Each structure stands twice: as C-alpha cells, then as structure tokens.
Amino acid sequence: AAESDPADSPVKAAILAAIDRAEAESGSGEWALTGTHQLFANAQELLMSELFRSFFLAFALISPLVVLFLRDLRLGLVATVPNIFPIAVFFGLLGHSPVRIDIATMIVASIAFGIAVDNTIHFLTAFSRCRRDRSADLAECLARACAKSGAAMVKTTLILAMGMLAFLLSDFGPSRRFAAFTSVVLVLALVGDLVLLPALISGPLARFFRRKAPEAPRDALTSGR
C-alpha cells in the first residue's frame, strides 16, 4: 500500500487528540469511529477482501477446467504460470510506486486473469493438436502454435487495450486508472502467453513434453546377431 500523505498527519493527530480528551472526560475506553468517511473506508476494505477471495475462487475453479479441456494435466498446470505472470508483475511494480490501490485497481486482476486464460487456451490448443502429429518435434509444435494463434492473440489484445484507453478521457479518476492499468496488464498477459509460455515448454519443462524415442523392435535386435 502507498504511504499516507503528509498533509493528512495534522488532521489525524487532531482527531486522535480529540478522542483522547473525550476518553479522559468520560472515563470510558470504548469508542468507534463513525461518519461518511469511515463508512466508505469499511466498504472499500470489505470490497477488496471480497475481490481477493473471488479471484482465488475463480483461479481454483478455472484451472481444473483448463486441465479437463486440454486433457493434459501437465499442460493445465503450465497454463497457470502465464495467467499469474501479468498480475504478479503488475502488482509487484505497483507496490513500489506511489500509486494508491483502490477498488478500480483491484478489479484489474480479475479481468486480466479471464483474458489471459482465453489466450493461453488458444495457444495450448494449437500446440496440443500439433503434438498429435508424430512427425513434429517440440520446437516445431511451438512454432506452429505461435504462427497459428499468435496473430489472433495480438489482435485481440490490441482491440481490448485500445478500447480501454477510451476511458482515459473520463473526468473520473478511478476510471482513468482502471483503463490505463488494464491496458498495461493486457500487454503483460500477451507477453506471458507468447514469450513466457513457449520458453517454459521448450526450456526447463521440455522433458515433460518431449516424446520418448520409440524402442527398436526385439526382432530387429536379434536379427543382427
């Protein structure tokens, strides 16, 4: 979370001093903040906690469905990495920036996850179909998947990002932040699907997807004697 504005410190100090004086006069230590600002603060805290819970619930429900759709447990597990990548990078960078995290910012995570899942399924579906061709190796299947689905994924991302940028003309601050952040996360999701995902499949996880060489028939081995 971003650091509080120094201009708010005198106001907070005055409020705390007033509460201390009221406690000293009444002798009671049971106090609760009320008012419109406290109501909005409680509502924002509740909404953010619900957004966290709904995001993890969506992740827990969608990930098994991806595994069932691809009919491959290994591909389904690998598919979760590029879906988490844009969210982790975005909020990691946001944590080191002075930008305040509000409700509009938190919604970006759910939207990015849904779009990243669509692109990931598109890519892995093309990859899975190529793997059924016994003559194609791992690198060739990745190249075919990128050639077949890459253009569609790029066009989809650009259309959605450019559509979101229309909200930059809004006079409402949260709408402008939502549009800008969503566009950034969409681009990060595209990078995760077209760069990170093929790198994982062809790099450290290649042994799980590379076909084993067929064993020589026993008759062929004995005939050479």
C-alpha atoms as a PDB file:
ATOM      1  CA  ALA A   1       0.000   0.000   0.000  1.00  0.00           C
ATOM      2  CA  ALA A   2       1.155   3.556  -0.659  1.00  0.00           C
ATOM      3  CA  GLU A   3       2.397   5.746   2.169  1.00  0.00           C
ATOM      4  CA  SER A   4      -0.070   8.216   3.629  1.00  0.00           C
ATOM      5  CA  ASP A   5       0.010  11.826   2.514  1.00  0.00           C
ATOM      6  CA  PRO A   6       1.968  14.008   4.975  1.00  0.00           C
ATOM      7  CA  ALA A   7      -0.817  16.591   4.731  1.00  0.00           C
ATOM      8  CA  ASP A   8      -3.170  14.172   6.470  1.00  0.00           C
ATOM      9  CA  SER A   9      -0.958  13.866   9.575  1.00  0.00           C
ATOM     10  CA  PRO A  10      -2.146  17.053  11.366  1.00  0.00           C
ATOM     11  CA  VAL A  11      -5.763  16.112  10.766  1.00  0.00           C
ATOM     12  CA  LYS A  12      -5.246  12.603  12.121  1.00  0.00           C
ATOM     13  CA  ALA A  13      -3.336  13.967  15.097  1.00  0.00           C
ATOM     14  CA  ALA A  14      -6.171  16.369  15.867  1.00  0.00           C
ATOM     15  CA  ILE A  15      -8.748  13.566  15.676  1.00  0.00           C
ATOM     16  CA  LEU A  16      -6.716  11.309  17.965  1.00  0.00           C
ATOM     17  CA  ALA A  17      -6.202  14.163  20.417  1.00  0.00           C
ATOM     18  CA  ALA A  18      -9.956  14.796  20.488  1.00  0.00           C
ATOM     19  CA  ILE A  19     -10.601  11.102  21.158  1.00  0.00           C
ATOM     20  CA  ASP A  20      -8.063  11.104  23.996  1.00  0.00           C
ATOM     21  CA  ARG A  21      -9.719  14.142  25.569  1.00  0.00           C
ATOM     22  CA  ALA A  22     -13.156  12.514  25.288  1.00  0.00           C
ATOM     23  CA  GLU A  23     -11.836   9.343  26.919  1.00  0.00           C
ATOM     24  CA  ALA A  24     -10.313  11.316  29.770  1.00  0.00           C
ATOM     25  CA  GLU A  25     -13.536  13.195  30.394  1.00  0.00           C
ATOM     26  CA  SER A  26     -15.869  10.187  30.255  1.00  0.00           C
ATOM     27  CA  GLY A  27     -13.601   7.525  31.689  1.00  0.00           C
ATOM     28  CA  SER A  28     -14.765   5.016  29.083  1.00  0.00           C
ATOM     29  CA  GLY A  29     -12.355   3.376  26.668  1.00  0.00           C
ATOM     30  CA  GLU A  30     -14.950   2.050  24.223  1.00  0.00           C
ATOM     31  CA  TRP A  31     -15.008   4.248  21.127  1.00  0.00           C
ATOM     32  CA  ALA A  32     -15.821   3.676  17.475  1.00  0.00           C
ATOM     33  CA  LEU A  33     -15.234   5.955  14.522  1.00  0.00           C
ATOM     34  CA  THR A  34     -18.378   6.843  12.580  1.00  0.00           C
ATOM     35  CA  GLY A  35     -19.312   9.106   9.729  1.00  0.00           C
ATOM     36  CA  THR A  36     -19.278   9.023   5.952  1.00  0.00           C
ATOM     37  CA  HIS A  37     -15.509   8.654   5.611  1.00  0.00           C
ATOM     38  CA  GLN A  38     -15.394   5.686   7.979  1.00  0.00           C
ATOM     39  CA  LEU A  39     -18.345   4.113   6.154  1.00  0.00           C
ATOM     40  CA  PHE A  40     -16.525   4.389   2.826  1.00  0.00           C
ATOM     41  CA  ALA A  41     -13.328   3.032   4.376  1.00  0.00           C
ATOM     42  CA  ASN A  42     -15.164  -0.015   5.744  1.00  0.00           C
ATOM     43  CA  ALA A  43     -16.898  -0.578   2.399  1.00  0.00           C
ATOM     44  CA  GLN A  44     -13.613  -0.362   0.489  1.00  0.00           C
ATOM     45  CA  GLU A  45     -11.911  -2.784   2.870  1.00  0.00           C
ATOM     46  CA  LEU A  46     -14.788  -5.244   2.518  1.00  0.00           C
ATOM     47  CA  LEU A  47     -14.814  -4.971  -1.276  1.00  0.00           C
ATOM     48  CA  MET A  48     -11.071  -5.522  -1.527  1.00  0.00           C
ATOM     49  CA  SER A  49     -11.212  -8.614   0.684  1.00  0.00           C
ATOM     50  CA  GLU A  50     -14.096  -9.963  -1.399  1.00  0.00           C
ATOM     51  CA  LEU A  51     -12.183  -9.272  -4.609  1.00  0.00           C
ATOM     52  CA  PHE A  52      -9.214 -11.235  -3.279  1.00  0.00           C
ATOM     53  CA  ARG A  53     -11.494 -14.089  -2.309  1.00  0.00           C
ATOM     54  CA  SER A  54     -13.347 -14.082  -5.639  1.00  0.00           C
ATOM     55  CA  PHE A  55     -10.066 -14.013  -7.595  1.00  0.00           C
ATOM     56  CA  PHE A  56      -8.669 -17.052  -5.807  1.00  0.00           C
ATOM     57  CA  LEU A  57     -12.027 -18.803  -6.136  1.00  0.00           C
ATOM     58  CA  ALA A  58     -12.054 -18.122  -9.884  1.00  0.00           C
ATOM     59  CA  PHE A  59      -8.492 -19.397 -10.133  1.00  0.00           C
ATOM     60  CA  ALA A  60      -9.389 -22.573  -8.238  1.00  0.00           C
ATOM     61  CA  LEU A  61     -12.393 -23.206 -10.500  1.00  0.00           C
ATOM     62  CA  ILE A  62     -10.920 -22.250 -13.881  1.00  0.00           C
ATOM     63  CA  SER A  63      -7.604 -24.082 -13.553  1.00  0.00           C
ATOM     64  CA  PRO A  64      -9.175 -27.586 -13.286  1.00  0.00           C
ATOM     65  CA  LEU A  65     -11.436 -26.750 -16.226  1.00  0.00           C
ATOM     66  CA  VAL A  66      -8.387 -25.847 -18.301  1.00  0.00           C
ATOM     67  CA  VAL A  67      -6.863 -29.217 -17.425  1.00  0.00           C
ATOM     68  CA  LEU A  68     -10.050 -31.013 -18.473  1.00  0.00           C
ATOM     69  CA  PHE A  69     -10.333 -29.021 -21.687  1.00  0.00           C
ATOM     70  CA  LEU A  70      -6.737 -29.704 -22.717  1.00  0.00           C
ATOM     71  CA  ARG A  71      -6.930 -33.316 -21.474  1.00  0.00           C
ATOM     72  CA  ASP A  72      -3.388 -32.994 -20.215  1.00  0.00           C
ATOM     73  CA  LEU A  73      -2.501 -32.420 -16.568  1.00  0.00           C
ATOM     74  CA  ARG A  74       0.969 -31.113 -17.368  1.00  0.00           C
ATOM     75  CA  LEU A  75      -0.268 -28.563 -19.878  1.00  0.00           C
ATOM     76  CA  GLY A  76      -3.003 -27.488 -17.490  1.00  0.00           C
ATOM     77  CA  LEU A  77      -0.514 -26.869 -14.707  1.00  0.00           C
ATOM     78  CA  VAL A  78       1.839 -24.969 -17.007  1.00  0.00           C
ATOM     79  CA  ALA A  79      -1.108 -22.843 -18.193  1.00  0.00           C
ATOM     80  CA  THR A  80      -1.432 -21.314 -14.727  1.00  0.00           C
ATOM     81  CA  VAL A  81       2.005 -19.671 -14.939  1.00  0.00           C
ATOM     82  CA  PRO A  82       1.300 -17.150 -17.758  1.00  0.00           C
ATOM     83  CA  ASN A  83      -2.073 -16.402 -16.168  1.00  0.00           C
ATOM     84  CA  ILE A  84      -0.471 -15.381 -12.879  1.00  0.00           C
ATOM     85  CA  PHE A  85       2.506 -13.666 -14.542  1.00  0.00           C
ATOM     86  CA  PRO A  86       0.799 -10.370 -15.570  1.00  0.00           C
ATOM     87  CA  ILE A  87      -0.935  -9.989 -12.221  1.00  0.00           C
ATOM     88  CA  ALA A  88       2.219 -10.688 -10.215  1.00  0.00           C
ATOM     89  CA  VAL A  89       4.337  -8.306 -12.304  1.00  0.00           C
ATOM     90  CA  PHE A  90       1.738  -5.532 -12.288  1.00  0.00           C
ATOM     91  CA  PHE A  91       1.012  -5.535  -8.566  1.00  0.00           C
ATOM     92  CA  GLY A  92       4.695  -6.085  -7.788  1.00  0.00           C
ATOM     93  CA  LEU A  93       5.570  -2.905  -9.675  1.00  0.00           C
ATOM     94  CA  LEU A  94       2.565  -1.139  -8.202  1.00  0.00           C
ATOM     95  CA  GLY A  95       3.787  -1.914  -4.701  1.00  0.00           C
ATOM     96  CA  HIS A  96       6.978   0.061  -5.381  1.00  0.00           C
ATOM     97  CA  SER A  97       5.117   3.054  -6.815  1.00  0.00           C
ATOM     98  CA  PRO A  98       3.314   5.895  -5.021  1.00  0.00           C
ATOM     99  CA  VAL A  99       0.005   4.972  -6.689  1.00  0.00           C
ATOM    100  CA  ARG A 100      -2.789   4.251  -4.248  1.00  0.00           C
ATOM    101  CA  ILE A 101      -4.558   0.903  -4.551  1.00  0.00           C
ATOM    102  CA  ASP A 102      -8.318   1.367  -4.758  1.00  0.00           C
ATOM    103  CA  ILE A 103     -11.314  -0.652  -5.907  1.00  0.00           C
ATOM    104  CA  ALA A 104     -10.774   0.175  -9.586  1.00  0.00           C
ATOM    105  CA  THR A 105      -7.204  -1.101  -9.334  1.00  0.00           C
ATOM    106  CA  MET A 106      -8.225  -4.379  -7.719  1.00  0.00           C
ATOM    107  CA  ILE A 107     -10.749  -5.171 -10.458  1.00  0.00           C
ATOM    108  CA  VAL A 108      -7.887  -5.265 -12.955  1.00  0.00           C
ATOM    109  CA  ALA A 109      -6.696  -8.625 -11.545  1.00  0.00           C
ATOM    110  CA  SER A 110      -9.941 -10.470 -12.304  1.00  0.00           C
ATOM    111  CA  ILE A 111     -10.230  -9.009 -15.800  1.00  0.00           C
ATOM    112  CA  ALA A 112      -6.621  -9.792 -16.675  1.00  0.00           C
ATOM    113  CA  PHE A 113      -6.973 -13.363 -15.437  1.00  0.00           C
ATOM    114  CA  GLY A 114     -10.010 -14.007 -17.615  1.00  0.00           C
ATOM    115  CA  ILE A 115      -8.384 -12.611 -20.751  1.00  0.00           C
ATOM    116  CA  ALA A 116      -5.070 -14.371 -20.114  1.00  0.00           C
ATOM    117  CA  VAL A 117      -6.879 -17.713 -19.768  1.00  0.00           C
ATOM    118  CA  ASP A 118      -8.539 -17.258 -23.180  1.00  0.00           C
ATOM    119  CA  ASN A 119      -5.235 -16.559 -24.936  1.00  0.00           C
ATOM    120  CA  THR A 120      -3.474 -19.382 -23.103  1.00  0.00           C
ATOM    121  CA  ILE A 121      -6.126 -21.917 -24.108  1.00  0.00           C
ATOM    122  CA  HIS A 122      -5.941 -20.692 -27.700  1.00  0.00           C
ATOM    123  CA  PHE A 123      -2.170 -21.215 -27.788  1.00  0.00           C
ATOM    124  CA  LEU A 124      -2.125 -24.566 -25.994  1.00  0.00           C
ATOM    125  CA  THR A 125      -4.945 -25.936 -28.132  1.00  0.00           C
ATOM    126  CA  ALA A 126      -2.894 -25.330 -31.262  1.00  0.00           C
ATOM    127  CA  PHE A 127       0.137 -26.823 -29.522  1.00  0.00           C
ATOM    128  CA  SER A 128      -1.779 -29.942 -28.454  1.00  0.00           C
ATOM    129  CA  ARG A 129      -3.099 -30.557 -31.978  1.00  0.00           C
ATOM    130  CA  CYS A 130       0.426 -30.365 -33.373  1.00  0.00           C
ATOM    131  CA  ARG A 131       1.693 -32.837 -30.764  1.00  0.00           C
ATOM    132  CA  ARG A 132      -0.688 -35.454 -32.177  1.00  0.00           C
ATOM    133  CA  ASP A 133       1.401 -35.335 -35.325  1.00  0.00           C
ATOM    134  CA  ARG A 134       4.148 -37.829 -34.532  1.00  0.00           C
ATOM    135  CA  SER A 135       6.479 -36.359 -37.147  1.00  0.00           C
ATOM    136  CA  ALA A 136       6.651 -32.916 -35.474  1.00  0.00           C
ATOM    137  CA  ASP A 137       9.097 -32.295 -32.646  1.00  0.00           C
ATOM    138  CA  LEU A 138       8.647 -29.948 -29.682  1.00  0.00           C
ATOM    139  CA  ALA A 139      10.214 -26.877 -31.310  1.00  0.00           C
ATOM    140  CA  GLU A 140       8.160 -27.316 -34.461  1.00  0.00           C
ATOM    141  CA  CYS A 141       4.923 -27.618 -32.477  1.00  0.00           C
ATOM    142  CA  LEU A 142       5.692 -24.405 -30.600  1.00  0.00           C
ATOM    143  CA  ALA A 143       6.467 -22.631 -33.867  1.00  0.00           C
ATOM    144  CA  ARG A 144       3.197 -23.859 -35.395  1.00  0.00           C
ATOM    145  CA  ALA A 145       1.210 -22.766 -32.334  1.00  0.00           C
ATOM    146  CA  CYS A 146       2.755 -19.283 -32.436  1.00  0.00           C
ATOM    147  CA  ALA A 147       2.124 -18.981 -36.175  1.00  0.00           C
ATOM    148  CA  LYS A 148      -1.470 -20.179 -35.927  1.00  0.00           C
ATOM    149  CA  SER A 149      -2.648 -18.367 -32.777  1.00  0.00           C
ATOM    150  CA  GLY A 150      -0.129 -15.552 -32.338  1.00  0.00           C
ATOM    151  CA  ALA A 151      -1.732 -13.118 -34.764  1.00  0.00           C
ATOM    152  CA  ALA A 152      -5.198 -13.633 -33.304  1.00  0.00           C
ATOM    153  CA  MET A 153      -3.897 -13.162 -29.750  1.00  0.00           C
ATOM    154  CA  VAL A 154      -2.094  -9.934 -30.682  1.00  0.00           C
ATOM    155  CA  LYS A 155      -5.153  -8.533 -32.463  1.00  0.00           C
ATOM    156  CA  THR A 156      -7.440  -9.418 -29.558  1.00  0.00           C
ATOM    157  CA  THR A 157      -5.118  -7.761 -27.055  1.00  0.00           C
ATOM    158  CA  LEU A 158      -4.750  -4.600 -29.150  1.00  0.00           C
ATOM    159  CA  ILE A 159      -8.501  -4.282 -29.683  1.00  0.00           C
ATOM    160  CA  LEU A 160      -9.264  -4.680 -25.980  1.00  0.00           C
ATOM    161  CA  ALA A 161      -6.428  -2.393 -24.872  1.00  0.00           C
ATOM    162  CA  MET A 162      -7.362   0.360 -27.327  1.00  0.00           C
ATOM    163  CA  GLY A 163     -10.983   0.075 -26.270  1.00  0.00           C
ATOM    164  CA  MET A 164      -9.994   0.501 -22.637  1.00  0.00           C
ATOM    165  CA  LEU A 165      -7.913   3.574 -23.429  1.00  0.00           C
ATOM    166  CA  ALA A 166     -11.122   5.406 -24.362  1.00  0.00           C
ATOM    167  CA  PHE A 167     -11.800   5.740 -20.624  1.00  0.00           C
ATOM    168  CA  LEU A 168      -8.721   7.962 -20.321  1.00  0.00           C
ATOM    169  CA  LEU A 169     -10.974  10.796 -21.483  1.00  0.00           C
ATOM    170  CA  SER A 170     -13.165  10.375 -18.395  1.00  0.00           C
ATOM    171  CA  ASP A 171     -13.225  13.027 -15.684  1.00  0.00           C
ATOM    172  CA  PHE A 172     -13.473  10.317 -13.020  1.00  0.00           C
ATOM    173  CA  GLY A 173     -10.025   9.431 -11.671  1.00  0.00           C
ATOM    174  CA  PRO A 174     -10.668   5.736 -10.877  1.00  0.00           C
ATOM    175  CA  SER A 175     -11.975   5.182 -14.412  1.00  0.00           C
ATOM    176  CA  ARG A 176      -8.791   6.621 -15.901  1.00  0.00           C
ATOM    177  CA  ARG A 177      -6.599   4.468 -13.658  1.00  0.00           C
ATOM    178  CA  PHE A 178      -8.676   1.399 -14.446  1.00  0.00           C
ATOM    179  CA  ALA A 179      -8.288   1.975 -18.190  1.00  0.00           C
ATOM    180  CA  ALA A 180      -4.540   2.576 -18.039  1.00  0.00           C
ATOM    181  CA  PHE A 181      -3.823  -0.324 -15.674  1.00  0.00           C
ATOM    182  CA  THR A 182      -6.000  -2.763 -17.611  1.00  0.00           C
ATOM    183  CA  SER A 183      -4.214  -1.915 -20.860  1.00  0.00           C
ATOM    184  CA  VAL A 184      -0.840  -2.498 -19.218  1.00  0.00           C
ATOM    185  CA  VAL A 185      -1.915  -5.842 -17.762  1.00  0.00           C
ATOM    186  CA  LEU A 186      -3.330  -6.962 -21.115  1.00  0.00           C
ATOM    187  CA  VAL A 187       0.043  -6.358 -22.759  1.00  0.00           C
ATOM    188  CA  LEU A 188       1.783  -8.231 -19.925  1.00  0.00           C
ATOM    189  CA  ALA A 189      -0.634 -11.130 -20.388  1.00  0.00           C
ATOM    190  CA  LEU A 190       0.230 -11.250 -24.090  1.00  0.00           C
ATOM    191  CA  VAL A 191       3.937 -11.338 -23.241  1.00  0.00           C
ATOM    192  CA  GLY A 192       3.272 -14.177 -20.815  1.00  0.00           C
ATOM    193  CA  ASP A 193       1.435 -16.222 -23.449  1.00  0.00           C
ATOM    194  CA  LEU A 194       3.765 -15.632 -26.409  1.00  0.00           C
ATOM    195  CA  VAL A 195       7.125 -15.400 -24.625  1.00  0.00           C
ATOM    196  CA  LEU A 196       6.991 -16.958 -21.165  1.00  0.00           C
ATOM    197  CA  LEU A 197       4.793 -19.948 -22.003  1.00  0.00           C
ATOM    198  CA  PRO A 198       6.855 -21.187 -25.009  1.00  0.00           C
ATOM    199  CA  ALA A 199      10.038 -20.576 -23.012  1.00  0.00           C
ATOM    200  CA  LEU A 200       8.763 -22.766 -20.185  1.00  0.00           C
ATOM    201  CA  ILE A 201       7.678 -25.570 -22.502  1.00  0.00           C
ATOM    202  CA  SER A 202      10.907 -25.585 -24.509  1.00  0.00           C
ATOM    203  CA  GLY A 203      13.223 -24.824 -21.602  1.00  0.00           C
ATOM    204  CA  PRO A 204      13.134 -26.214 -18.038  1.00  0.00           C
ATOM    205  CA  LEU A 205       9.936 -28.214 -18.631  1.00  0.00           C
ATOM    206  CA  ALA A 206      10.870 -29.631 -22.032  1.00  0.00           C
ATOM    207  CA  ARG A 207      11.499 -33.126 -20.643  1.00  0.00           C
ATOM    208  CA  PHE A 208       7.823 -33.393 -19.661  1.00  0.00           C
ATOM    209  CA  PHE A 209       6.593 -32.637 -23.193  1.00  0.00           C
ATOM    210  CA  ARG A 210       9.291 -34.191 -25.394  1.00  0.00           C
ATOM    211  CA  ARG A 211       8.291 -37.541 -26.847  1.00  0.00           C
ATOM    212  CA  LYS A 212      10.354 -40.538 -25.992  1.00  0.00           C
ATOM    213  CA  ALA A 213      12.219 -42.185 -28.830  1.00  0.00           C
ATOM    214  CA  PRO A 214      10.455 -45.377 -29.952  1.00  0.00           C
ATOM    215  CA  GLU A 215      12.132 -48.552 -28.841  1.00  0.00           C
ATOM    216  CA  ALA A 216      13.627 -50.755 -31.525  1.00  0.00           C
ATOM    217  CA  PRO A 217      11.701 -53.970 -32.161  1.00  0.00           C
ATOM    218  CA  ARG A 218      13.114 -57.017 -30.459  1.00  0.00           C
ATOM    219  CA  ASP A 219      13.285 -58.931 -33.777  1.00  0.00           C
ATOM    220  CA  ALA A 220      15.459 -56.241 -35.312  1.00  0.00           C
ATOM    221  CA  LEU A 221      17.900 -56.513 -32.424  1.00  0.00           C
ATOM    222  CA  THR A 222      18.164 -60.291 -32.645  1.00  0.00           C
ATOM    223  CA  SER A 223      18.470 -60.410 -36.434  1.00  0.00           C
ATOM    224  CA  GLY A 224      21.782 -58.630 -36.335  1.00  0.00           C
ATOM    225  CA  ARG A 225      23.434 -61.445 -34.442  1.00  0.00           C
END
